[in-house]
Amino acid sequence: KSKLLNKAGKLCLVKSTISSIPVYSMQSLWLPQAVCSKIDQACRRMLWAKPDNTRFWSPVSWEVVTQPKELGGLGVREAHRVNVSLLGKLVWDMLSAPQKPWVHLLSNLYLHGDSILCAQTRRGASPIWSSIIKALPSLREGFQPHLRSGASSLWYMDWTGTGFWCGKVPFVHIANTNKTVADCWESGEWNFNILHTVLPTELVHSVRQLSVVSSSLGLDHFAWRGDISGCYSAASGYRFLTPVRSSEGDEVWKKLWKVMVPEKVKFFFVAMPSFSPPNESSSG
């Protein structure tokens, strides 16, 4: 089909077909890097190769091609990052939807009360669980605890995402057994001096950046910092994983893609290695 399409048509075919076919499998399975590289190679070949030649030369780097359109790229999605971002939806369900049957099943099999954020690989685990564990390191920093009411148990609930505190101390004093997170939050700061249980210094420092809202309207939960809503989506996960080269000229690029000119002309500007959008202040 490359014989019948211009560059803009090839770009549309890459996004709608080559990049989309593996999405169904990517939602639940970890694809090896070699497979993802083959998918990316097929996208590059469709974009740049001539019909009668298997070898090709790329006018711009693959990093530019995979940048969002508003940042001067072509908006083609890299296969490996798509795979990780889609598996991130499973991680989010493990954190926010424990009532789902598959979440309940995997939690009972592999977590035993721990958080998914501190889960470890297990010998003989199912392919889906192994895929989740492989995707987790790339996304773990994006999930952070939001403490609303502070009603979570200080010792026997994983309210930080790093594991139960009862397993991080030699023993829990009997007088502190029923302590909640809110009990250690006083006047807008943490006060662990009220505890009879000795806490390790690194454990105390690990929660200094957290705060309790002290609101009875919400429960303690995890939020995704890659989106303003706090909810994870595959799109926000992909943005979180995509390194941004530069934010300069983003408004110019947005206007460029909205100009009423043929798509092949817009493609030409992006594919020019030496082209950079002028600043609006210097135009005219």
Protein backbone atom coordinates (compact mmCIF):
# COMPACT_ATOMS: atom_id res chain seq x y z
CA LYS A 1 0.00 0.00 0.00
CA SER A 2 2.96 2.33 0.35
CA LYS A 3 2.99 2.73 -3.45
CA LEU A 4 -0.44 4.39 -3.28
CA LEU A 5 0.10 6.67 -0.28
CA ASN A 6 1.99 9.88 0.36
CA LYS A 7 3.80 10.54 3.66
CA ALA A 8 0.66 11.77 5.41
CA GLY A 9 -1.24 8.67 4.30
CA LYS A 10 1.56 6.41 5.51
CA LEU A 11 1.52 8.16 8.88
CA CYS A 12 -2.23 7.55 9.17
CA LEU A 13 -1.76 3.88 8.28
CA VAL A 14 0.99 3.49 10.88
CA LYS A 15 -1.20 4.94 13.64
CA SER A 16 -4.41 3.15 12.69
CA THR A 17 -3.02 -0.28 11.83
CA ILE A 18 0.60 -1.12 12.70
CA SER A 19 0.52 0.53 16.12
CA SER A 20 -3.03 -0.62 16.92
CA ILE A 21 -2.97 -4.33 16.09
CA PRO A 22 -0.86 -5.37 19.17
CA VAL A 23 -2.93 -3.30 21.63
CA TYR A 24 -5.27 -6.16 22.54
CA SER A 25 -2.37 -8.38 23.65
CA MET A 26 -0.55 -5.46 25.29
CA GLN A 27 -3.43 -4.88 27.71
CA SER A 28 -2.62 -8.00 29.72
CA LEU A 29 0.73 -9.39 28.56
CA TRP A 30 4.31 -8.14 28.63
CA LEU A 31 5.77 -8.16 25.13
CA PRO A 32 9.54 -8.81 24.92
CA GLN A 33 11.70 -5.87 23.87
CA ALA A 34 12.60 -7.68 20.64
CA VAL A 35 8.92 -7.83 19.65
CA CYS A 36 8.41 -4.14 20.47
CA SER A 37 11.49 -3.26 18.43
CA LYS A 38 10.10 -5.18 15.45
CA ILE A 39 6.84 -3.23 15.70
CA ASP A 40 8.72 0.08 15.82
CA GLN A 41 10.86 -1.02 12.89
CA ALA A 42 7.73 -1.79 10.87
CA CYS A 43 6.43 1.70 11.61
CA ARG A 44 9.71 3.32 10.54
CA ARG A 45 9.86 1.24 7.37
CA MET A 46 6.32 2.24 6.40
CA LEU A 47 7.12 5.91 6.99
CA TRP A 48 10.47 6.24 5.26
CA ALA A 49 11.24 3.24 3.02
CA LYS A 50 10.64 3.29 -0.72
CA PRO A 51 8.48 0.48 -2.15
CA ASP A 52 11.35 -1.13 -4.04
CA ASN A 53 13.96 -0.94 -1.28
CA THR A 54 14.07 -2.54 2.18
CA ARG A 55 16.77 -0.16 3.39
CA PHE A 56 15.80 3.39 4.26
CA TRP A 57 17.10 6.65 5.68
CA SER A 58 15.19 8.58 8.36
CA PRO A 59 15.26 12.39 7.99
CA VAL A 60 14.55 12.79 11.74
CA SER A 61 15.24 10.58 14.73
CA TRP A 62 12.75 8.11 16.17
CA GLU A 63 12.64 10.24 19.35
CA VAL A 64 11.25 13.12 17.30
CA VAL A 65 8.70 10.91 15.53
CA THR A 66 7.35 9.61 18.84
CA GLN A 67 7.00 13.06 20.41
CA PRO A 68 3.45 14.48 20.69
CA LYS A 69 2.34 16.70 17.83
CA GLU A 70 2.16 19.77 20.06
CA LEU A 71 5.86 19.34 20.84
CA GLY A 72 7.04 19.02 17.26
CA GLY A 73 6.65 15.27 16.74
CA LEU A 74 4.41 13.10 14.61
CA GLY A 75 2.53 11.49 17.49
CA VAL A 76 3.53 7.90 16.67
CA ARG A 77 3.47 5.78 19.82
CA GLU A 78 6.45 3.66 20.80
CA ALA A 79 5.43 0.03 21.29
CA HIS A 80 7.23 -0.62 24.59
CA ARG A 81 5.81 2.48 26.27
CA VAL A 82 2.34 1.61 25.02
CA ASN A 83 2.70 -1.86 26.50
CA VAL A 84 3.77 -0.52 29.91
CA SER A 85 1.06 2.16 29.97
CA LEU A 86 -1.67 -0.40 29.19
CA LEU A 87 -0.42 -2.76 31.90
CA GLY A 88 -0.55 0.24 34.22
CA LYS A 89 -4.36 0.01 34.03
CA LEU A 90 -4.10 -3.36 35.76
CA VAL A 91 -1.88 -1.85 38.46
CA TRP A 92 -4.44 0.93 38.95
CA ASP A 93 -7.26 -1.60 39.30
CA MET A 94 -5.23 -3.47 41.91
CA LEU A 95 -4.99 -0.20 43.89
CA SER A 96 -8.45 1.27 43.39
CA ALA A 97 -10.87 -1.55 42.55
CA PRO A 98 -10.42 -4.44 45.01
CA GLN A 99 -14.03 -5.51 44.41
CA LYS A 100 -13.30 -6.77 40.89
CA PRO A 101 -13.19 -10.58 40.80
CA TRP A 102 -9.83 -10.84 39.02
CA VAL A 103 -8.27 -8.32 41.43
CA HIS A 104 -9.60 -10.27 44.40
CA LEU A 105 -8.20 -13.50 42.95
CA LEU A 106 -4.71 -12.18 42.23
CA SER A 107 -4.54 -10.36 45.58
CA ASN A 108 -5.31 -13.55 47.46
CA LEU A 109 -2.84 -15.57 45.41
CA TYR A 110 0.16 -13.24 45.40
CA LEU A 111 -0.23 -10.22 47.73
CA HIS A 112 -1.61 -11.65 51.00
CA GLY A 113 -2.57 -8.17 52.24
CA ASP A 114 0.43 -6.27 50.84
CA SER A 115 0.18 -3.44 48.35
CA ILE A 116 0.77 -4.07 44.65
CA LEU A 117 3.40 -1.30 44.77
CA CYS A 118 5.72 -3.49 46.83
CA ALA A 119 4.87 -6.79 45.16
CA GLN A 120 7.63 -9.15 44.07
CA THR A 121 7.89 -11.69 41.29
CA ARG A 122 7.12 -15.27 42.21
CA ARG A 123 8.28 -18.53 40.71
CA GLY A 124 5.54 -20.18 38.69
CA ALA A 125 3.32 -17.07 38.67
CA SER A 126 0.72 -16.58 35.96
CA PRO A 127 1.71 -14.68 32.78
CA ILE A 128 -0.60 -11.79 33.70
CA TRP A 129 0.92 -11.40 37.17
CA SER A 130 4.45 -11.60 35.77
CA SER A 131 3.54 -8.92 33.22
CA ILE A 132 2.22 -6.60 35.94
CA ILE A 133 5.39 -7.01 37.98
CA LYS A 134 7.59 -6.24 34.97
CA ALA A 135 5.68 -3.03 34.21
CA LEU A 136 5.53 -1.87 37.83
CA PRO A 137 9.06 -0.35 38.22
CA SER A 138 8.43 2.13 35.39
CA LEU A 139 5.18 3.38 36.94
CA ARG A 140 5.70 3.04 40.69
CA GLU A 141 6.83 6.66 41.19
CA GLY A 142 3.63 7.93 39.62
CA PHE A 143 1.39 6.43 42.31
CA GLN A 144 1.32 8.29 45.60
CA PRO A 145 -0.84 7.98 48.72
CA HIS A 146 -3.53 10.59 49.42
CA LEU A 147 -4.48 10.58 53.07
CA ARG A 148 -7.99 11.99 53.54
CA SER A 149 -9.50 10.91 56.85
CA GLY A 150 -6.38 9.14 58.13
CA ALA A 151 -8.57 6.27 59.36
CA SER A 152 -6.19 3.61 58.04
CA SER A 153 -4.50 1.42 60.60
CA LEU A 154 -0.99 2.64 61.26
CA TRP A 155 0.42 -0.89 61.47
CA TYR A 156 -1.86 -3.28 59.62
CA MET A 157 -2.76 -1.41 56.43
CA ASP A 158 -0.35 -0.49 53.66
CA TRP A 159 -1.17 3.24 53.61
CA THR A 160 2.24 4.29 52.21
CA GLY A 161 2.58 1.73 49.42
CA THR A 162 5.80 0.38 50.91
CA GLY A 163 4.36 -2.45 53.00
CA PHE A 164 2.87 -2.94 56.46
CA TRP A 165 4.61 -0.98 59.21
CA CYS A 166 4.18 -3.90 61.59
CA GLY A 167 6.77 -5.75 59.53
CA LYS A 168 9.26 -2.88 59.71
CA VAL A 169 9.59 -2.73 63.50
CA PRO A 170 10.80 -5.40 65.96
CA PHE A 171 7.38 -5.42 67.68
CA VAL A 172 4.24 -3.30 68.05
CA HIS A 173 3.60 -2.15 71.61
CA ILE A 174 0.25 -3.35 72.90
CA ALA A 175 -0.77 0.24 73.69
CA ASN A 176 -0.31 1.22 70.01
CA THR A 177 -2.12 -1.69 68.41
CA ASN A 178 -5.23 0.32 67.50
CA LYS A 179 -3.47 3.49 66.43
CA THR A 180 -4.54 5.04 63.13
CA VAL A 181 -2.66 7.34 60.77
CA ALA A 182 -4.67 10.35 61.98
CA ASP A 183 -3.57 9.72 65.58
CA CYS A 184 0.01 10.61 64.62
CA TRP A 185 -0.96 13.78 62.74
CA GLU A 186 -1.15 16.77 65.06
CA SER A 187 -1.31 20.48 64.21
CA GLY A 188 -0.32 19.93 60.60
CA GLU A 189 2.73 17.74 61.22
CA TRP A 190 3.70 14.22 62.11
CA ASN A 191 4.18 13.39 65.77
CA PHE A 192 5.44 9.86 66.35
CA ASN A 193 6.64 10.67 69.87
CA ILE A 194 3.25 9.61 71.21
CA LEU A 195 4.02 6.01 70.26
CA HIS A 196 5.53 3.51 72.67
CA THR A 197 6.85 1.56 69.66
CA VAL A 198 10.30 2.63 68.44
CA LEU A 199 10.29 3.51 64.73
CA PRO A 200 13.38 3.33 62.51
CA THR A 201 14.67 6.74 61.43
CA GLU A 202 14.35 5.97 57.71
CA LEU A 203 10.72 4.97 58.24
CA VAL A 204 9.92 8.34 59.82
CA HIS A 205 11.70 10.27 57.06
CA SER A 206 9.84 8.34 54.35
CA VAL A 207 6.49 9.93 55.31
CA ARG A 208 7.62 13.50 55.97
CA GLN A 209 6.34 14.65 52.55
CA LEU A 210 2.89 13.16 53.19
CA SER A 211 0.06 15.00 54.91
CA VAL A 212 -3.38 14.16 56.25
CA VAL A 213 -6.28 16.29 55.04
CA SER A 214 -8.33 15.33 58.11
CA SER A 215 -11.53 15.18 56.08
CA SER A 216 -14.34 12.82 56.95
CA LEU A 217 -15.65 12.95 53.36
CA GLY A 218 -12.96 10.81 51.78
CA LEU A 219 -11.03 7.63 52.44
CA ASP A 220 -7.29 7.11 52.28
CA HIS A 221 -6.37 6.03 48.77
CA PHE A 222 -3.68 6.15 46.10
CA ALA A 223 -3.73 8.75 43.34
CA TRP A 224 -1.94 9.02 40.01
CA ARG A 225 0.17 12.14 39.78
CA GLY A 226 0.36 11.96 36.00
CA ASP A 227 -3.16 13.38 35.63
CA ILE A 228 -4.89 16.29 37.32
CA SER A 229 -7.87 14.08 38.17
CA GLY A 230 -5.67 11.67 40.13
CA CYS A 231 -7.04 8.73 38.13
CA TYR A 232 -4.83 6.59 35.93
CA SER A 233 -5.45 6.16 32.21
CA ALA A 234 -3.38 4.61 29.46
CA ALA A 235 -2.95 8.05 27.85
CA SER A 236 -1.68 9.69 31.05
CA GLY A 237 0.59 6.70 31.66
CA TYR A 238 2.10 7.05 28.20
CA ARG A 239 2.71 10.78 28.76
CA PHE A 240 4.37 9.95 32.08
CA LEU A 241 6.73 7.48 30.37
CA THR A 242 7.55 9.73 27.38
CA PRO A 243 10.63 11.93 27.90
CA VAL A 244 9.87 15.45 26.69
CA ARG A 245 12.71 16.92 24.66
CA SER A 246 11.60 20.54 24.93
CA SER A 247 8.44 22.52 25.58
CA GLU A 248 9.54 25.50 23.50
CA GLY A 249 7.30 26.42 20.62
CA ASP A 250 4.45 24.15 21.70
CA GLU A 251 1.82 26.80 20.93
CA VAL A 252 3.29 27.25 17.47
CA TRP A 253 3.15 23.53 16.80
CA LYS A 254 -0.47 23.36 17.97
CA LYS A 255 -1.39 26.12 15.52
CA LEU A 256 0.60 24.48 12.75
CA TRP A 257 -1.38 21.24 12.97
CA LYS A 258 -4.65 23.24 12.85
CA VAL A 259 -3.74 25.22 9.73
CA MET A 260 -5.98 24.43 6.74
CA VAL A 261 -3.27 23.05 4.49
CA PRO A 262 -2.73 19.50 3.16
CA GLU A 263 -1.46 17.03 5.76
CA LYS A 264 1.60 16.27 3.65
CA VAL A 265 2.69 19.91 4.05
CA LYS A 266 2.48 19.67 7.85
CA PHE A 267 4.38 16.38 7.69
CA PHE A 268 7.07 18.12 5.63
CA PHE A 269 7.67 20.76 8.32
CA VAL A 270 8.03 18.14 11.07
CA ALA A 271 10.29 15.93 8.95
CA MET A 272 12.67 18.78 8.13
CA PRO A 273 15.72 18.16 10.37
CA SER A 274 16.67 21.83 10.49
CA PHE A 275 13.17 23.26 10.97
CA SER A 276 12.21 24.86 14.25
CA PRO A 277 9.12 27.00 14.82
CA PRO A 278 9.71 30.72 15.30
CA ASN A 279 8.73 32.42 18.53
CA GLU A 280 5.47 34.32 18.37
CA SER A 281 7.15 37.39 19.79
CA SER A 282 9.60 37.51 16.90
CA SER A 283 7.08 36.77 14.12
CA GLY A 284 6.01 39.44 11.69
